[in-house]
Amino acid sequence: MGGPTATGISAETTFSTTTLTPDAMTTELLIDTAGDVRCVYDEVIDLAALGQLSIRRGSHVEPAPDGGWTADLGPVDGPVLGPFEIRSQALAAERNWLNRHWLCPESVVHR
């Protein structure tokens, strides 16, 4: 689905979590049978090393009129989450929703 393409990937769908630092920063990569890689963008790893990138916006974390924060997941046909008191709460909710509903929906089998 329009993600970076990696070559030499096994022919079966793979779900992998790569822990890159002792403080448990992780990036979850979903690799499909065509070798396309899908993930929630993060700078924990150099995604360009996997091949040509296709990056699209998944959400907008914005200040709410009442002074809180919301995470609008409309770009991936998701809901508006919040309001949250602080921006970091909205960012955490955004990442959690994207990981559960966009990156790896319940129909995908975890390995």
Protein backbone atom coordinates (compact mmCIF):
# COMPACT_ATOMS: atom_id res chain seq x y z
CA MET A 1 0.00 0.00 0.00
CA GLY A 2 2.26 2.77 -1.22
CA GLY A 3 4.90 2.29 1.46
CA PRO A 4 8.61 1.99 0.97
CA THR A 5 9.59 -1.04 -1.06
CA ALA A 6 12.17 -3.48 0.24
CA THR A 7 13.81 -6.20 -1.80
CA GLY A 8 14.77 -9.67 -0.67
CA ILE A 9 11.82 -9.99 1.73
CA SER A 10 10.23 -13.38 2.36
CA ALA A 11 7.04 -14.15 0.45
CA GLU A 12 4.81 -14.27 3.53
CA THR A 13 3.49 -11.29 5.48
CA THR A 14 5.71 -10.50 8.43
CA PHE A 15 4.99 -8.38 11.48
CA SER A 16 8.12 -7.36 13.28
CA THR A 17 9.07 -5.02 16.08
CA THR A 18 12.62 -3.79 16.11
CA THR A 19 14.01 -2.45 19.39
CA LEU A 20 16.81 -0.06 18.57
CA THR A 21 17.86 1.51 21.85
CA PRO A 22 17.98 0.57 25.53
CA ASP A 23 15.17 3.03 26.29
CA ALA A 24 12.79 0.80 24.29
CA MET A 25 12.18 3.07 21.29
CA THR A 26 10.55 0.79 18.73
CA THR A 27 9.36 0.96 15.17
CA GLU A 28 6.81 -1.58 13.97
CA LEU A 29 7.13 -2.58 10.33
CA LEU A 30 4.44 -4.48 8.43
CA ILE A 31 5.90 -6.16 5.36
CA ASP A 32 3.44 -7.58 2.84
CA THR A 33 3.92 -10.37 0.30
CA ALA A 34 4.93 -7.86 -2.39
CA GLY A 35 7.73 -6.56 -0.15
CA ASP A 36 5.99 -3.25 0.58
CA VAL A 37 6.74 -1.94 4.06
CA ARG A 38 4.12 -0.03 6.04
CA CYS A 39 4.81 1.82 9.29
CA VAL A 40 3.96 4.87 11.35
CA TYR A 41 6.75 7.28 10.41
CA ASP A 42 9.42 7.81 13.01
CA GLU A 43 13.06 8.80 12.81
CA VAL A 44 14.17 5.83 14.93
CA ILE A 45 15.41 4.05 11.79
CA ASP A 46 16.46 5.30 8.36
CA LEU A 47 13.48 4.19 6.27
CA ALA A 48 15.22 5.26 3.06
CA ALA A 49 17.56 2.29 3.56
CA LEU A 50 14.58 0.04 2.72
CA GLY A 51 14.07 1.55 -0.73
CA GLN A 52 11.97 4.26 -2.40
CA LEU A 53 9.66 6.00 0.09
CA SER A 54 6.06 7.05 -0.27
CA ILE A 55 5.03 9.05 2.80
CA ARG A 56 1.53 10.40 3.46
CA ARG A 57 -0.02 12.22 6.39
CA GLY A 58 -1.98 10.04 8.79
CA SER A 59 -3.34 12.72 11.13
CA HIS A 60 -3.19 16.26 12.42
CA VAL A 61 -2.43 16.99 16.09
CA GLU A 62 -3.71 20.52 16.68
CA PRO A 63 -4.67 22.86 19.51
CA ALA A 64 -8.37 22.68 20.37
CA PRO A 65 -10.48 25.84 20.78
CA ASP A 66 -10.73 25.21 24.55
CA GLY A 67 -6.94 25.16 24.95
CA GLY A 68 -6.51 21.36 24.86
CA TRP A 69 -5.26 19.23 21.97
CA THR A 70 -6.93 16.91 19.47
CA ALA A 71 -5.66 14.22 17.11
CA ASP A 72 -7.64 14.30 13.87
CA LEU A 73 -7.19 10.98 12.06
CA GLY A 74 -9.37 12.01 9.12
CA PRO A 75 -6.57 11.52 6.55
CA VAL A 76 -6.80 7.74 7.17
CA ASP A 77 -10.61 7.76 7.61
CA GLY A 78 -10.33 7.75 11.40
CA PRO A 79 -11.98 9.74 14.19
CA VAL A 80 -11.00 12.92 16.00
CA LEU A 81 -9.53 11.95 19.37
CA GLY A 82 -9.57 14.22 22.41
CA PRO A 83 -9.48 16.81 23.62
CA PHE A 84 -6.36 16.12 25.70
CA GLU A 85 -4.87 18.43 28.29
CA ILE A 86 -1.37 18.35 26.82
CA ARG A 87 0.03 17.78 23.34
CA SER A 88 2.05 14.70 24.31
CA GLN A 89 -1.18 12.93 25.32
CA ALA A 90 -2.66 13.68 21.89
CA LEU A 91 0.52 12.42 20.19
CA ALA A 92 0.45 9.18 22.21
CA ALA A 93 -3.25 8.62 21.40
CA GLU A 94 -2.55 9.33 17.72
CA ARG A 95 0.28 6.75 17.56
CA ASN A 96 -1.78 4.17 19.48
CA TRP A 97 -4.78 4.57 17.14
CA LEU A 98 -2.60 4.42 14.02
CA ASN A 99 -0.83 1.28 15.23
CA ARG A 100 -4.06 -0.52 16.15
CA HIS A 101 -6.38 0.57 13.33
CA TRP A 102 -4.26 1.65 10.37
CA LEU A 103 -0.90 -0.13 10.59
CA CYS A 104 -2.12 -3.45 11.84
CA PRO A 105 -5.89 -3.75 11.78
CA GLU A 106 -7.42 -6.65 13.62
CA SER A 107 -7.73 -8.65 10.41
CA VAL A 108 -3.92 -8.95 10.22
CA VAL A 109 -2.39 -11.91 12.03
CA HIS A 110 0.52 -11.00 14.32
CA ARG A 111 3.55 -13.27 14.18
